[in-house]
Amino acid sequence: ATFVSIQAFPALLDLPQEQEISGVSCGSRHTAVVTRGGELYTWGWGKYGQLGHGDNGSCDRPCQVRYLEARGLRAEEVVCGPWTTYVCVLE
């Protein structure tokens, strides 16, 4: 089983390559951010696939959702529900 640290209070976090964030949303146990460049990063508990990495794995650090990049899609906004993640994209 993968251990995922759950933060009860906000904490500073470094994203890969010092990306600038344009939007952030938190679910019950996961977080998602959209960068100014249109990339989506998610992390936390992923039991229901809400991280968008193609599996039900969890991760403790921000990981880019490669699905969007592979299809030429640019993330504009993100909204997390308790066990879901909704992303508004542009082609």
PDB file of N, CA and C in Angstrom:
ATOM      1  N   ALA A   1       0.839  -1.176   0.000  1.00  0.00           N
ATOM      2  CA  ALA A   1       0.000   0.000   0.000  1.00  0.00           C
ATOM      3  C   ALA A   1       0.888   1.244   0.000  1.00  0.00           C
ATOM      4  N   THR A   2       0.466   2.262  -0.752  1.00  0.00           N
ATOM      5  CA  THR A   2       1.193   3.515  -0.827  1.00  0.00           C
ATOM      6  C   THR A   2       0.781   4.426   0.308  1.00  0.00           C
ATOM      7  N   PHE A   3       1.763   5.022   0.965  1.00  0.00           N
ATOM      8  CA  PHE A   3       1.485   5.986   2.024  1.00  0.00           C
ATOM      9  C   PHE A   3       1.423   7.377   1.417  1.00  0.00           C
ATOM     10  N   VAL A   4       0.360   8.116   1.706  1.00  0.00           N
ATOM     11  CA  VAL A   4       0.218   9.487   1.240  1.00  0.00           C
ATOM     12  C   VAL A   4       0.032  10.371   2.449  1.00  0.00           C
ATOM     13  N   SER A   5       0.879  11.357   2.571  1.00  0.00           N
ATOM     14  CA  SER A   5       0.798  12.297   3.684  1.00  0.00           C
ATOM     15  C   SER A   5      -0.377  13.240   3.459  1.00  0.00           C
ATOM     16  N   ILE A   6      -1.210  13.415   4.460  1.00  0.00           N
ATOM     17  CA  ILE A   6      -2.331  14.348   4.366  1.00  0.00           C
ATOM     18  C   ILE A   6      -2.021  15.560   5.228  1.00  0.00           C
ATOM     19  N   GLN A   7      -1.991  16.740   4.604  1.00  0.00           N
ATOM     20  CA  GLN A   7      -1.684  17.988   5.282  1.00  0.00           C
ATOM     21  C   GLN A   7      -2.980  18.618   5.775  1.00  0.00           C
ATOM     22  N   ALA A   8      -3.075  18.889   7.043  1.00  0.00           N
ATOM     23  CA  ALA A   8      -4.269  19.535   7.583  1.00  0.00           C
ATOM     24  C   ALA A   8      -4.218  21.049   7.410  1.00  0.00           C
ATOM     25  N   PHE A   9      -3.031  21.589   7.161  1.00  0.00           N
ATOM     26  CA  PHE A   9      -2.852  23.026   7.012  1.00  0.00           C
ATOM     27  C   PHE A   9      -2.108  23.309   5.709  1.00  0.00           C
ATOM     28  N   PRO A  10      -2.292  24.500   5.130  1.00  0.00           N
ATOM     29  CA  PRO A  10      -1.575  24.838   3.893  1.00  0.00           C
ATOM     30  C   PRO A  10      -0.064  24.735   4.080  1.00  0.00           C
ATOM     31  N   ALA A  11       0.617  24.323   3.019  1.00  0.00           N
ATOM     32  CA  ALA A  11       2.070  24.207   3.047  1.00  0.00           C
ATOM     33  C   ALA A  11       2.633  24.681   1.710  1.00  0.00           C
ATOM     34  N   LEU A  12       3.811  25.295   1.737  1.00  0.00           N
ATOM     35  CA  LEU A  12       4.471  25.705   0.506  1.00  0.00           C
ATOM     36  C   LEU A  12       4.906  24.472  -0.264  1.00  0.00           C
ATOM     37  N   LEU A  13       4.836  24.560  -1.587  1.00  0.00           N
ATOM     38  CA  LEU A  13       5.143  23.419  -2.426  1.00  0.00           C
ATOM     39  C   LEU A  13       5.844  23.906  -3.679  1.00  0.00           C
ATOM     40  N   ASP A  14       6.898  23.248  -4.080  1.00  0.00           N
ATOM     41  CA  ASP A  14       7.603  23.577  -5.316  1.00  0.00           C
ATOM     42  C   ASP A  14       7.122  22.662  -6.428  1.00  0.00           C
ATOM     43  N   LEU A  15       6.727  23.262  -7.541  1.00  0.00           N
ATOM     44  CA  LEU A  15       6.354  22.484  -8.715  1.00  0.00           C
ATOM     45  C   LEU A  15       7.577  22.316  -9.605  1.00  0.00           C
ATOM     46  N   PRO A  16       7.578  21.299 -10.448  1.00  0.00           N
ATOM     47  CA  PRO A  16       8.704  21.110 -11.370  1.00  0.00           C
ATOM     48  C   PRO A  16       8.921  22.349 -12.231  1.00  0.00           C
ATOM     49  N   GLN A  17      10.168  22.701 -12.444  1.00  0.00           N
ATOM     50  CA  GLN A  17      10.557  23.814 -13.315  1.00  0.00           C
ATOM     51  C   GLN A  17       9.938  25.143 -12.900  1.00  0.00           C
ATOM     52  N   GLU A  18       9.609  25.295 -11.627  1.00  0.00           N
ATOM     53  CA  GLU A  18       9.076  26.554 -11.089  1.00  0.00           C
ATOM     54  C   GLU A  18       7.918  27.113 -11.920  1.00  0.00           C
ATOM     55  N   GLN A  19       6.954  26.289 -12.215  1.00  0.00           N
ATOM     56  CA  GLN A  19       5.775  26.685 -12.981  1.00  0.00           C
ATOM     57  C   GLN A  19       4.974  27.755 -12.236  1.00  0.00           C
ATOM     58  N   GLU A  20       4.357  28.682 -12.969  1.00  0.00           N
ATOM     59  CA  GLU A  20       3.463  29.672 -12.368  1.00  0.00           C
ATOM     60  C   GLU A  20       2.052  29.099 -12.374  1.00  0.00           C
ATOM     61  N   ILE A  21       1.363  29.215 -11.255  1.00  0.00           N
ATOM     62  CA  ILE A  21       0.026  28.649 -11.094  1.00  0.00           C
ATOM     63  C   ILE A  21      -1.046  29.682 -11.427  1.00  0.00           C
ATOM     64  N   SER A  22      -2.050  29.265 -12.204  1.00  0.00           N
ATOM     65  CA  SER A  22      -3.166  30.158 -12.514  1.00  0.00           C
ATOM     66  C   SER A  22      -4.454  29.727 -11.823  1.00  0.00           C
ATOM     67  N   GLY A  23      -4.502  28.487 -11.320  1.00  0.00           N
ATOM     68  CA  GLY A  23      -5.694  28.010 -10.628  1.00  0.00           C
ATOM     69  C   GLY A  23      -5.381  26.818  -9.752  1.00  0.00           C
ATOM     70  N   VAL A  24      -6.139  26.682  -8.672  1.00  0.00           N
ATOM     71  CA  VAL A  24      -5.956  25.565  -7.751  1.00  0.00           C
ATOM     72  C   VAL A  24      -7.309  25.144  -7.200  1.00  0.00           C
ATOM     73  N   SER A  25      -7.456  23.845  -6.916  1.00  0.00           N
ATOM     74  CA  SER A  25      -8.675  23.350  -6.296  1.00  0.00           C
ATOM     75  C   SER A  25      -8.326  22.134  -5.440  1.00  0.00           C
ATOM     76  N   CYS A  26      -9.075  21.976  -4.359  1.00  0.00           N
ATOM     77  CA  CYS A  26      -8.836  20.858  -3.444  1.00  0.00           C
ATOM     78  C   CYS A  26     -10.091  20.015  -3.300  1.00  0.00           C
ATOM     79  N   GLY A  27      -9.909  18.699  -3.342  1.00  0.00           N
ATOM     80  CA  GLY A  27     -10.984  17.764  -3.062  1.00  0.00           C
ATOM     81  C   GLY A  27     -10.876  17.321  -1.618  1.00  0.00           C
ATOM     82  N   SER A  28     -11.521  16.229  -1.279  1.00  0.00           N
ATOM     83  CA  SER A  28     -11.460  15.726   0.089  1.00  0.00           C
ATOM     84  C   SER A  28     -10.049  15.304   0.467  1.00  0.00           C
ATOM     85  N   ARG A  29      -9.356  14.650  -0.469  1.00  0.00           N
ATOM     86  CA  ARG A  29      -8.014  14.149  -0.177  1.00  0.00           C
ATOM     87  C   ARG A  29      -7.073  14.295  -1.363  1.00  0.00           C
ATOM     88  N   HIS A  30      -7.371  15.205  -2.271  1.00  0.00           N
ATOM     89  CA  HIS A  30      -6.478  15.443  -3.397  1.00  0.00           C
ATOM     90  C   HIS A  30      -6.501  16.917  -3.786  1.00  0.00           C
ATOM     91  N   THR A  31      -5.466  17.318  -4.519  1.00  0.00           N
ATOM     92  CA  THR A  31      -5.315  18.705  -4.941  1.00  0.00           C
ATOM     93  C   THR A  31      -4.943  18.729  -6.412  1.00  0.00           C
ATOM     94  N   ALA A  32      -5.391  19.770  -7.116  1.00  0.00           N
ATOM     95  CA  ALA A  32      -5.056  19.944  -8.527  1.00  0.00           C
ATOM     96  C   ALA A  32      -4.715  21.406  -8.783  1.00  0.00           C
ATOM     97  N   VAL A  33      -3.720  21.635  -9.643  1.00  0.00           N
ATOM     98  CA  VAL A  33      -3.375  22.995 -10.043  1.00  0.00           C
ATOM     99  C   VAL A  33      -3.248  23.063 -11.556  1.00  0.00           C
ATOM    100  N   VAL A  34      -3.572  24.233 -12.100  1.00  0.00           N
ATOM    101  CA  VAL A  34      -3.387  24.528 -13.518  1.00  0.00           C
ATOM    102  C   VAL A  34      -2.289  25.580 -13.600  1.00  0.00           C
ATOM    103  N   THR A  35      -1.348  25.382 -14.526  1.00  0.00           N
ATOM    104  CA  THR A  35      -0.274  26.358 -14.700  1.00  0.00           C
ATOM    105  C   THR A  35      -0.664  27.379 -15.764  1.00  0.00           C
ATOM    106  N   ARG A  36       0.062  28.486 -15.790  1.00  0.00           N
ATOM    107  CA  ARG A  36      -0.181  29.499 -16.831  1.00  0.00           C
ATOM    108  C   ARG A  36       0.079  28.941 -18.226  1.00  0.00           C
ATOM    109  N   GLY A  37       0.894  27.905 -18.311  1.00  0.00           N
ATOM    110  CA  GLY A  37       1.180  27.261 -19.592  1.00  0.00           C
ATOM    111  C   GLY A  37       0.152  26.213 -19.998  1.00  0.00           C
ATOM    112  N   GLY A  38      -0.893  26.013 -19.181  1.00  0.00           N
ATOM    113  CA  GLY A  38      -1.958  25.084 -19.531  1.00  0.00           C
ATOM    114  C   GLY A  38      -1.726  23.646 -19.107  1.00  0.00           C
ATOM    115  N   GLU A  39      -0.761  23.419 -18.221  1.00  0.00           N
ATOM    116  CA  GLU A  39      -0.520  22.070 -17.720  1.00  0.00           C
ATOM    117  C   GLU A  39      -1.346  21.830 -16.459  1.00  0.00           C
ATOM    118  N   LEU A  40      -1.697  20.575 -16.233  1.00  0.00           N
ATOM    119  CA  LEU A  40      -2.443  20.183 -15.043  1.00  0.00           C
ATOM    120  C   LEU A  40      -1.576  19.265 -14.198  1.00  0.00           C
ATOM    121  N   TYR A  41      -1.458  19.582 -12.909  1.00  0.00           N
ATOM    122  CA  TYR A  41      -0.739  18.746 -11.951  1.00  0.00           C
ATOM    123  C   TYR A  41      -1.715  18.330 -10.859  1.00  0.00           C
ATOM    124  N   THR A  42      -1.650  17.065 -10.450  1.00  0.00           N
ATOM    125  CA  THR A  42      -2.503  16.572  -9.370  1.00  0.00           C
ATOM    126  C   THR A  42      -1.674  15.739  -8.404  1.00  0.00           C
ATOM    127  N   TRP A  43      -2.159  15.647  -7.158  1.00  0.00           N
ATOM    128  CA  TRP A  43      -1.515  14.791  -6.166  1.00  0.00           C
ATOM    129  C   TRP A  43      -2.475  14.539  -5.015  1.00  0.00           C
ATOM    130  N   GLY A  44      -2.172  13.529  -4.226  1.00  0.00           N
ATOM    131  CA  GLY A  44      -3.002  13.141  -3.092  1.00  0.00           C
ATOM    132  C   GLY A  44      -3.489  11.713  -3.238  1.00  0.00           C
ATOM    133  N   TRP A  45      -4.646  11.463  -2.672  1.00  0.00           N
ATOM    134  CA  TRP A  45      -5.256  10.136  -2.681  1.00  0.00           C
ATOM    135  C   TRP A  45      -5.969   9.932  -4.011  1.00  0.00           C
ATOM    136  N   GLY A  46      -5.701   8.825  -4.700  1.00  0.00           N
ATOM    137  CA  GLY A  46      -6.273   8.622  -6.031  1.00  0.00           C
ATOM    138  C   GLY A  46      -7.095   7.364  -6.195  1.00  0.00           C
ATOM    139  N   LYS A  47      -7.671   6.855  -5.119  1.00  0.00           N
ATOM    140  CA  LYS A  47      -8.380   5.575  -5.159  1.00  0.00           C
ATOM    141  C   LYS A  47      -9.442   5.487  -6.249  1.00  0.00           C
ATOM    142  N   TYR A  48     -10.087   6.584  -6.593  1.00  0.00           N
ATOM    143  CA  TYR A  48     -11.162   6.563  -7.587  1.00  0.00           C
ATOM    144  C   TYR A  48     -10.731   7.119  -8.946  1.00  0.00           C
ATOM    145  N   GLY A  49      -9.416   7.234  -9.164  1.00  0.00           N
ATOM    146  CA  GLY A  49      -8.924   7.734 -10.442  1.00  0.00           C
ATOM    147  C   GLY A  49      -8.999   9.237 -10.589  1.00  0.00           C
ATOM    148  N   GLN A  50      -9.313   9.945  -9.517  1.00  0.00           N
ATOM    149  CA  GLN A  50      -9.520  11.387  -9.580  1.00  0.00           C
ATOM    150  C   GLN A  50      -8.249  12.188  -9.872  1.00  0.00           C
ATOM    151  N   LEU A  51      -7.077  11.551  -9.827  1.00  0.00           N
ATOM    152  CA  LEU A  51      -5.849  12.266 -10.149  1.00  0.00           C
ATOM    153  C   LEU A  51      -5.614  12.357 -11.661  1.00  0.00           C
ATOM    154  N   GLY A  52      -6.264  11.485 -12.427  1.00  0.00           N
ATOM    155  CA  GLY A  52      -6.165  11.549 -13.882  1.00  0.00           C
ATOM    156  C   GLY A  52      -4.902  10.963 -14.471  1.00  0.00           C
ATOM    157  N   HIS A  53      -4.210  10.094 -13.732  1.00  0.00           N
ATOM    158  CA  HIS A  53      -2.961   9.503 -14.218  1.00  0.00           C
ATOM    159  C   HIS A  53      -3.171   8.127 -14.848  1.00  0.00           C
ATOM    160  N   GLY A  54      -4.417   7.749 -15.073  1.00  0.00           N
ATOM    161  CA  GLY A  54      -4.707   6.481 -15.737  1.00  0.00           C
ATOM    162  C   GLY A  54      -4.719   5.279 -14.821  1.00  0.00           C
ATOM    163  N   ASP A  55      -4.684   5.509 -13.512  1.00  0.00           N
ATOM    164  CA  ASP A  55      -4.735   4.403 -12.560  1.00  0.00           C
ATOM    165  C   ASP A  55      -5.415   4.879 -11.273  1.00  0.00           C
ATOM    166  N   ASN A  56      -5.432   4.043 -10.276  1.00  0.00           N
ATOM    167  CA  ASN A  56      -6.031   4.402  -8.986  1.00  0.00           C
ATOM    168  C   ASN A  56      -4.959   4.623  -7.935  1.00  0.00           C
ATOM    169  N   GLY A  57      -3.750   4.930  -8.381  1.00  0.00           N
ATOM    170  CA  GLY A  57      -2.646   5.154  -7.460  1.00  0.00           C
ATOM    171  C   GLY A  57      -2.707   6.527  -6.823  1.00  0.00           C
ATOM    172  N   SER A  58      -2.038   6.642  -5.698  1.00  0.00           N
ATOM    173  CA  SER A  58      -1.924   7.903  -4.983  1.00  0.00           C
ATOM    174  C   SER A  58      -0.501   8.424  -5.141  1.00  0.00           C
ATOM    175  N   CYS A  59      -0.310   9.725  -4.994  1.00  0.00           N
ATOM    176  CA  CYS A  59       1.043  10.281  -5.046  1.00  0.00           C
ATOM    177  C   CYS A  59       1.151  11.463  -4.093  1.00  0.00           C
ATOM    178  N   ASP A  60       2.315  11.572  -3.496  1.00  0.00           N
ATOM    179  CA  ASP A  60       2.575  12.572  -2.466  1.00  0.00           C
ATOM    180  C   ASP A  60       3.106  13.880  -3.030  1.00  0.00           C
ATOM    181  N   ARG A  61       3.471  13.877  -4.306  1.00  0.00           N
ATOM    182  CA  ARG A  61       4.047  15.064  -4.943  1.00  0.00           C
ATOM    183  C   ARG A  61       3.264  15.389  -6.208  1.00  0.00           C
ATOM    184  N   PRO A  62       3.263  16.641  -6.626  1.00  0.00           N
ATOM    185  CA  PRO A  62       2.564  17.004  -7.859  1.00  0.00           C
ATOM    186  C   PRO A  62       3.114  16.247  -9.059  1.00  0.00           C
ATOM    187  N   CYS A  63       2.213  15.634  -9.820  1.00  0.00           N
ATOM    188  CA  CYS A  63       2.584  14.925 -11.043  1.00  0.00           C
ATOM    189  C   CYS A  63       1.743  15.478 -12.183  1.00  0.00           C
ATOM    190  N   GLN A  64       2.378  15.732 -13.319  1.00  0.00           N
ATOM    191  CA  GLN A  64       1.660  16.268 -14.468  1.00  0.00           C
ATOM    192  C   GLN A  64       0.718  15.220 -15.037  1.00  0.00           C
ATOM    193  N   VAL A  65      -0.478  15.650 -15.396  1.00  0.00           N
ATOM    194  CA  VAL A  65      -1.449  14.772 -16.057  1.00  0.00           C
ATOM    195  C   VAL A  65      -1.089  14.779 -17.540  1.00  0.00           C
ATOM    196  N   ARG A  66      -0.438  13.729 -17.980  1.00  0.00           N
ATOM    197  CA  ARG A  66       0.095  13.639 -19.351  1.00  0.00           C
ATOM    198  C   ARG A  66      -0.993  13.410 -20.395  1.00  0.00           C
ATOM    199  N   TYR A  67      -2.147  12.936 -19.977  1.00  0.00           N
ATOM    200  CA  TYR A  67      -3.258  12.675 -20.904  1.00  0.00           C
ATOM    201  C   TYR A  67      -3.578  13.925 -21.733  1.00  0.00           C
ATOM    202  N   LEU A  68      -3.623  15.084 -21.097  1.00  0.00           N
ATOM    203  CA  LEU A  68      -3.971  16.321 -21.803  1.00  0.00           C
ATOM    204  C   LEU A  68      -2.909  16.697 -22.821  1.00  0.00           C
ATOM    205  N   GLU A  69      -1.663  16.680 -22.395  1.00  0.00           N
ATOM    206  CA  GLU A  69      -0.545  17.030 -23.268  1.00  0.00           C
ATOM    207  C   GLU A  69      -0.485  16.111 -24.485  1.00  0.00           C
ATOM    208  N   ALA A  70      -0.712  14.822 -24.289  1.00  0.00           N
ATOM    209  CA  ALA A  70      -0.650  13.840 -25.379  1.00  0.00           C
ATOM    210  C   ALA A  70      -1.721  14.086 -26.438  1.00  0.00           C
ATOM    211  N   ARG A  71      -2.788  14.751 -26.080  1.00  0.00           N
ATOM    212  CA  ARG A  71      -3.883  15.025 -27.009  1.00  0.00           C
ATOM    213  C   ARG A  71      -3.940  16.476 -27.462  1.00  0.00           C
ATOM    214  N   GLY A  72      -2.911  17.238 -27.139  1.00  0.00           N
ATOM    215  CA  GLY A  72      -2.854  18.639 -27.566  1.00  0.00           C
ATOM    216  C   GLY A  72      -3.853  19.529 -26.857  1.00  0.00           C
ATOM    217  N   LEU A  73      -4.240  19.163 -25.643  1.00  0.00           N
ATOM    218  CA  LEU A  73      -5.215  19.938 -24.879  1.00  0.00           C
ATOM    219  C   LEU A  73      -4.520  20.811 -23.846  1.00  0.00           C
ATOM    220  N   ARG A  74      -5.076  21.981 -23.625  1.00  0.00           N
ATOM    221  CA  ARG A  74      -4.521  22.942 -22.668  1.00  0.00           C
ATOM    222  C   ARG A  74      -5.532  23.148 -21.541  1.00  0.00           C
ATOM    223  N   ALA A  75      -5.118  22.893 -20.312  1.00  0.00           N
ATOM    224  CA  ALA A  75      -6.010  23.087 -19.159  1.00  0.00           C
ATOM    225  C   ALA A  75      -6.199  24.571 -18.899  1.00  0.00           C
ATOM    226  N   GLU A  76      -7.442  24.975 -18.696  1.00  0.00           N
ATOM    227  CA  GLU A  76      -7.762  26.372 -18.404  1.00  0.00           C
ATOM    228  C   GLU A  76      -8.224  26.560 -16.960  1.00  0.00           C
ATOM    229  N   GLU A  77      -9.046  25.629 -16.489  1.00  0.00           N
ATOM    230  CA  GLU A  77      -9.573  25.701 -15.123  1.00  0.00           C
ATOM    231  C   GLU A  77      -9.692  24.292 -14.563  1.00  0.00           C
ATOM    232  N   VAL A  78      -9.665  24.189 -13.229  1.00  0.00           N
ATOM    233  CA  VAL A  78      -9.845  22.902 -12.574  1.00  0.00           C
ATOM    234  C   VAL A  78     -10.725  23.093 -11.349  1.00  0.00           C
ATOM    235  N   VAL A  79     -11.619  22.122 -11.131  1.00  0.00           N
ATOM    236  CA  VAL A  79     -12.490  22.118  -9.948  1.00  0.00           C
ATOM    237  C   VAL A  79     -12.512  20.690  -9.411  1.00  0.00           C
ATOM    238  N   CYS A  80     -12.159  20.540  -8.154  1.00  0.00           N
ATOM    239  CA  CYS A  80     -12.173  19.221  -7.527  1.00  0.00           C
ATOM    240  C   CYS A  80     -13.432  19.053  -6.699  1.00  0.00           C
ATOM    241  N   GLY A  81     -14.053  17.890  -6.816  1.00  0.00           N
ATOM    242  CA  GLY A  81     -15.145  17.505  -5.940  1.00  0.00           C
ATOM    243  C   GLY A  81     -14.581  16.584  -4.876  1.00  0.00           C
ATOM    244  N   PRO A  82     -15.436  16.011  -4.043  1.00  0.00           N
ATOM    245  CA  PRO A  82     -14.935  15.122  -2.991  1.00  0.00           C
ATOM    246  C   PRO A  82     -14.089  13.970  -3.549  1.00  0.00           C
ATOM    247  N   TRP A  83     -14.547  13.341  -4.630  1.00  0.00           N
ATOM    248  CA  TRP A  83     -13.827  12.199  -5.210  1.00  0.00           C
ATOM    249  C   TRP A  83     -13.650  12.351  -6.712  1.00  0.00           C
ATOM    250  N   THR A  84     -13.711  13.573  -7.221  1.00  0.00           N
ATOM    251  CA  THR A  84     -13.639  13.807  -8.663  1.00  0.00           C
ATOM    252  C   THR A  84     -12.779  15.026  -8.968  1.00  0.00           C
ATOM    253  N   THR A  85     -12.399  15.143 -10.231  1.00  0.00           N
ATOM    254  CA  THR A  85     -11.686  16.324 -10.720  1.00  0.00           C
ATOM    255  C   THR A  85     -12.264  16.685 -12.078  1.00  0.00           C
ATOM    256  N   TYR A  86     -12.675  17.936 -12.247  1.00  0.00           N
ATOM    257  CA  TYR A  86     -13.230  18.432 -13.507  1.00  0.00           C
ATOM    258  C   TYR A  86     -12.257  19.440 -14.073  1.00  0.00           C
ATOM    259  N   VAL A  87     -11.960  19.322 -15.372  1.00  0.00           N
ATOM    260  CA  VAL A  87     -11.002  20.217 -16.005  1.00  0.00           C
ATOM    261  C   VAL A  87     -11.628  20.820 -17.256  1.00  0.00           C
ATOM    262  N   CYS A  88     -11.541  22.142 -17.366  1.00  0.00           N
ATOM    263  CA  CYS A  88     -11.970  22.843 -18.580  1.00  0.00           C
ATOM    264  C   CYS A  88     -10.718  22.973 -19.460  1.00  0.00           C
ATOM    265  N   VAL A  89     -10.793  22.475 -20.700  1.00  0.00           N
ATOM    266  CA  VAL A  89      -9.633  22.480 -21.580  1.00  0.00           C
ATOM    267  C   VAL A  89      -9.926  23.196 -22.889  1.00  0.00           C
ATOM    268  N   LEU A  90      -8.854  23.630 -23.553  1.00  0.00           N
ATOM    269  CA  LEU A  90      -8.917  24.195 -24.899  1.00  0.00           C
ATOM    270  C   LEU A  90      -8.071  23.329 -25.820  1.00  0.00           C
ATOM    271  N   GLU A  91      -8.522  23.189 -27.058  1.00  0.00           N
ATOM    272  CA  GLU A  91      -7.726  22.422 -28.041  1.00  0.00           C
ATOM    273  C   GLU A  91      -6.683  23.315 -28.661  1.00  0.00           C
TER     274      GLU A  91
END
